[in-house]
Protein backbone atom coordinates (compact mmCIF):
# COMPACT_ATOMS: atom_id res chain seq x y z
CA UNK A 1 138.09 198.33 130.98
CA UNK A 2 139.82 195.19 132.17
CA UNK A 3 139.51 194.38 135.85
CA UNK A 4 142.19 192.72 137.95
CA UNK A 5 141.65 189.01 138.50
CA UNK A 6 141.93 187.36 141.90
CA UNK A 7 145.22 185.85 140.73
CA UNK A 8 146.42 189.29 139.60
CA UNK A 9 145.58 190.78 142.97
CA UNK A 10 147.46 187.98 144.66
CA UNK A 11 150.54 188.62 142.52
CA UNK A 12 150.37 192.35 143.18
CA UNK A 13 150.39 192.02 146.95
CA UNK A 14 152.91 189.14 146.93
CA UNK A 15 155.37 190.58 144.39
CA UNK A 16 154.65 194.31 144.55
CA UNK A 17 153.70 194.70 140.87
CA UNK A 18 151.26 193.45 138.27
CA UNK A 19 150.18 194.35 134.72
CA UNK A 20 146.46 194.79 133.99
CA UNK A 21 145.83 194.55 130.23
CA UNK A 22 143.76 196.87 128.03
CA UNK A 23 142.62 199.28 130.73
CA UNK A 24 142.40 202.13 128.19
CA UNK A 25 141.58 201.59 124.52
CA UNK A 26 140.86 203.74 121.49
CA UNK A 27 139.64 206.40 120.96
CA UNK A 28 140.87 207.68 124.35
CA UNK A 29 144.25 205.99 123.99
CA UNK A 30 144.88 207.59 120.61
CA UNK A 31 143.82 211.02 121.91
CA UNK A 32 146.21 210.66 124.85
CA UNK A 33 149.01 209.81 122.39
CA UNK A 34 148.20 212.96 120.41
CA UNK A 35 148.34 215.00 123.62
CA UNK A 36 151.69 213.44 124.52
CA UNK A 37 153.05 214.18 121.04
CA UNK A 38 152.12 217.84 121.46
CA UNK A 39 153.87 218.12 124.84
CA UNK A 40 157.06 216.56 123.45
CA UNK A 41 156.89 218.77 120.37
CA UNK A 42 156.52 221.85 122.57
CA UNK A 43 159.68 220.89 124.47
CA UNK A 44 161.58 220.21 121.27
CA UNK A 45 160.39 223.60 120.03
CA UNK A 46 162.03 225.34 122.98
CA UNK A 47 159.42 225.26 125.74
CA UNK A 48 160.97 224.94 129.19
CA UNK A 49 159.55 224.98 132.69
CA UNK A 50 160.17 223.53 136.13
CA UNK A 51 157.88 220.59 135.37
CA UNK A 52 159.70 219.63 132.15
CA UNK A 53 162.57 217.52 133.47
CA UNK A 54 165.47 216.87 131.12
CA UNK A 55 169.13 215.95 130.97
CA UNK A 56 171.99 216.50 128.53
CA UNK A 57 174.11 213.60 127.36
CA UNK A 58 177.86 213.85 127.76
CA UNK A 59 179.47 215.56 124.80
CA UNK A 60 176.16 216.85 123.43
CA UNK A 61 174.21 220.09 123.82
CA UNK A 62 170.68 218.99 122.94
CA UNK A 63 168.56 218.43 126.09
CA UNK A 64 166.62 215.18 126.35
CA UNK A 65 163.15 215.28 127.90
CA UNK A 66 162.47 212.43 130.33
CA UNK A 67 159.54 213.53 132.50
CA UNK A 68 156.70 216.03 132.53
CA UNK A 69 155.86 216.43 136.20
CA UNK A 70 152.52 217.66 137.59
CA UNK A 71 150.95 216.67 134.29
CA UNK A 72 147.48 217.52 135.59
CA UNK A 73 148.53 221.20 135.75
CA UNK A 74 149.89 221.52 132.21
CA UNK A 75 147.78 223.64 129.82
CA UNK A 76 148.36 221.15 127.02
CA UNK A 77 147.19 218.07 128.90
CA UNK A 78 143.41 218.27 129.50
CA UNK A 79 142.89 214.54 128.95
CA UNK A 80 145.62 213.62 131.43
CA UNK A 81 144.11 216.09 133.88
CA UNK A 82 140.81 214.31 133.41
CA UNK A 83 142.41 210.96 134.26
CA UNK A 84 143.86 212.57 137.40
CA UNK A 85 140.37 213.68 138.46
CA UNK A 86 138.30 210.60 137.64
CA UNK A 87 137.91 207.78 135.14
CA UNK A 88 139.25 204.28 134.45
CA UNK A 89 142.47 204.56 136.46
CA UNK A 90 140.49 205.67 139.53
CA UNK A 91 138.18 202.69 139.12
CA UNK A 92 141.13 200.34 138.78
CA UNK A 93 142.90 201.82 141.82
CA UNK A 94 139.77 201.43 143.93
CA UNK A 95 139.38 197.80 142.92
CA UNK A 96 143.03 197.17 143.81
CA UNK A 97 143.03 199.06 147.10
CA UNK A 98 139.57 197.83 148.05
CA UNK A 99 138.34 201.30 149.00
CA UNK A 100 137.71 204.78 147.59
CA UNK A 101 140.96 206.21 146.24
CA UNK A 102 142.37 209.61 145.40
CA UNK A 103 145.19 210.63 143.09
CA UNK A 104 148.22 212.38 144.55
CA UNK A 105 150.36 213.26 141.55
CA UNK A 106 150.60 212.43 137.86
CA UNK A 107 153.46 212.63 135.38
CA UNK A 108 154.36 211.56 131.88
CA UNK A 109 157.49 209.44 131.61
CA UNK A 110 159.20 209.87 128.25
CA UNK A 111 161.74 207.43 126.85
CA UNK A 112 162.88 209.20 123.71
CA UNK A 113 164.03 206.99 120.80
CA UNK A 114 167.76 206.13 120.80
CA UNK A 115 168.69 208.60 123.56
CA UNK A 116 166.63 207.79 126.67
CA UNK A 117 168.81 206.72 129.59
CA UNK A 118 168.17 203.99 132.10
CA UNK A 119 166.44 204.99 135.34
CA UNK A 120 168.55 203.80 138.31
CA UNK A 121 167.26 201.32 140.86
CA UNK A 122 165.14 203.04 143.48
CA UNK A 123 161.98 202.99 145.58
CA UNK A 124 159.44 205.76 145.02
CA UNK A 125 158.97 206.24 148.76
CA UNK A 126 158.83 204.20 151.95
CA UNK A 127 156.66 206.40 154.17
CA UNK A 128 153.61 204.27 153.37
CA UNK A 129 152.86 200.75 154.57
CA UNK A 130 152.84 197.98 151.94
CA UNK A 131 149.58 198.02 150.01
CA UNK A 132 148.66 201.59 150.96
CA UNK A 133 150.10 203.53 148.01
CA UNK A 134 150.33 202.33 144.41
CA UNK A 135 151.56 203.80 141.15
CA UNK A 136 149.55 203.07 138.02
CA UNK A 137 151.54 203.44 134.78
CA UNK A 138 149.32 203.69 131.71
CA UNK A 139 151.44 202.82 128.67
CA UNK A 140 150.84 204.92 125.57
CA UNK A 141 153.26 202.75 123.56
CA UNK A 142 154.32 199.13 123.62
CA UNK A 143 157.17 198.56 126.07
CA UNK A 144 159.77 195.81 125.98
CA UNK A 145 163.35 195.16 127.05
CA UNK A 146 164.79 197.13 124.12
CA UNK A 147 162.85 200.40 124.49
CA UNK A 148 162.77 200.99 128.23
CA UNK A 149 160.79 198.30 130.02
CA UNK A 150 160.29 198.39 133.77
CA UNK A 151 162.29 196.02 135.97
CA UNK A 152 161.33 194.88 139.46
CA UNK A 153 162.67 192.89 142.39
CA UNK A 154 159.67 190.75 143.41
CA UNK A 155 158.65 191.11 147.05
CA UNK A 156 160.89 194.12 147.65
CA UNK A 157 157.92 196.24 148.76
CA UNK A 158 157.98 194.18 151.96
CA UNK A 159 161.59 195.11 152.79
CA UNK A 160 162.40 197.42 155.70
CA UNK A 161 162.21 201.16 155.09
CA UNK A 162 166.01 201.48 155.23
CA UNK A 163 166.79 198.44 153.06
CA UNK A 164 169.68 198.99 150.65
CA UNK A 165 168.36 199.19 147.09
CA UNK A 166 171.54 197.90 145.43
CA UNK A 167 171.71 194.93 147.79
CA UNK A 168 168.09 194.12 146.96
CA UNK A 169 168.86 194.24 143.25
CA UNK A 170 171.94 192.04 143.65
CA UNK A 171 169.99 189.52 145.71
CA UNK A 172 167.29 189.47 143.02
CA UNK A 173 165.70 188.00 141.15
CA UNK A 174 165.26 190.86 138.69
CA UNK A 175 162.29 190.56 136.36
CA UNK A 176 161.69 192.65 133.24
CA UNK A 177 158.03 193.57 132.77
CA UNK A 178 156.78 194.36 129.28
CA UNK A 179 153.45 195.98 128.47
CA UNK A 180 151.26 196.79 125.50
CA UNK A 181 149.82 200.20 124.73
CA UNK A 182 146.72 200.63 126.90
CA UNK A 183 147.97 198.27 129.61
CA UNK A 184 148.52 199.54 133.14
CA UNK A 185 151.53 198.41 135.17
CA UNK A 186 150.72 198.65 138.86
CA UNK A 187 153.40 198.73 141.53
CA UNK A 188 153.59 199.37 145.24
CA UNK A 189 155.51 202.61 145.80
CA UNK A 190 157.86 200.69 148.11
CA UNK A 191 158.94 198.23 145.39
CA UNK A 192 162.56 198.28 144.22
CA UNK A 193 162.46 199.00 140.50
CA UNK A 194 164.21 200.63 137.55
CA UNK A 195 163.75 200.99 133.81
CA UNK A 196 166.00 200.26 130.87
CA UNK A 197 167.32 202.73 128.26
CA UNK A 198 165.60 203.08 124.91
CA UNK A 199 167.90 201.81 122.18
CA UNK A 200 165.21 201.69 119.49
CA UNK A 201 163.51 204.10 117.09
CA UNK A 202 160.25 203.67 119.02
CA UNK A 203 159.14 206.04 121.77
CA UNK A 204 158.14 204.64 125.17
CA UNK A 205 155.74 206.94 127.01
CA UNK A 206 153.60 206.28 130.05
CA UNK A 207 151.29 208.30 132.29
CA UNK A 208 151.97 207.57 135.94
CA UNK A 209 149.46 208.38 138.69
CA UNK A 210 149.97 207.58 142.36
CA UNK A 211 146.83 206.52 144.23
CA UNK A 212 146.21 206.19 147.95
CA UNK A 213 143.07 205.44 149.98
CA UNK A 214 140.84 208.51 149.96
CA UNK A 215 141.05 208.83 153.75
CA UNK A 216 144.87 209.06 153.72
CA UNK A 217 146.10 212.35 155.14
CA UNK A 218 147.78 214.58 152.60
CA UNK A 219 151.54 215.00 153.23
């Protein structure tokens, strides 16, 4: 597993995001892809549930899956549940936070080929101080500007809790952050970010786990 460099840590806390390369590699990466394929196939086969979030495009009837929430609770995701409990993402989170860490929630983000919409500009939450809650996004597929890459406003995790997201985006700069399969994109939950639509034939899937210091009180 790759470890964050001192320069990477500096960028994370200055800008609110950083990409750590090759955190997960084969065979685990390939097995996680197979697990993700099965979850998507189950949805396409008619499976529905409160954790399978989807939307319907205007003028169409076919629902589009965009998120599987509470991934650690899904019967078809034992490997993701394992990552929620322990493993390389925990180790990475602890090295970033500088203390023992615990996972709060995990989800699979799905950018379906050709149909995935953009995710609007937002902050995950602002009820944590900068540097106290981070999201780790493990990419199962390569991600670039054409298939749904993340976008960030550097330094926006340091803005006030009630800062206007659209004003932050307009003030910029806005940076597009690509990643390779197996890389982990780390961002402070306070950072202003979004993601692009997927206009390609390639899927863009990521497993997202929020980590906080282990001594943080549960909400």
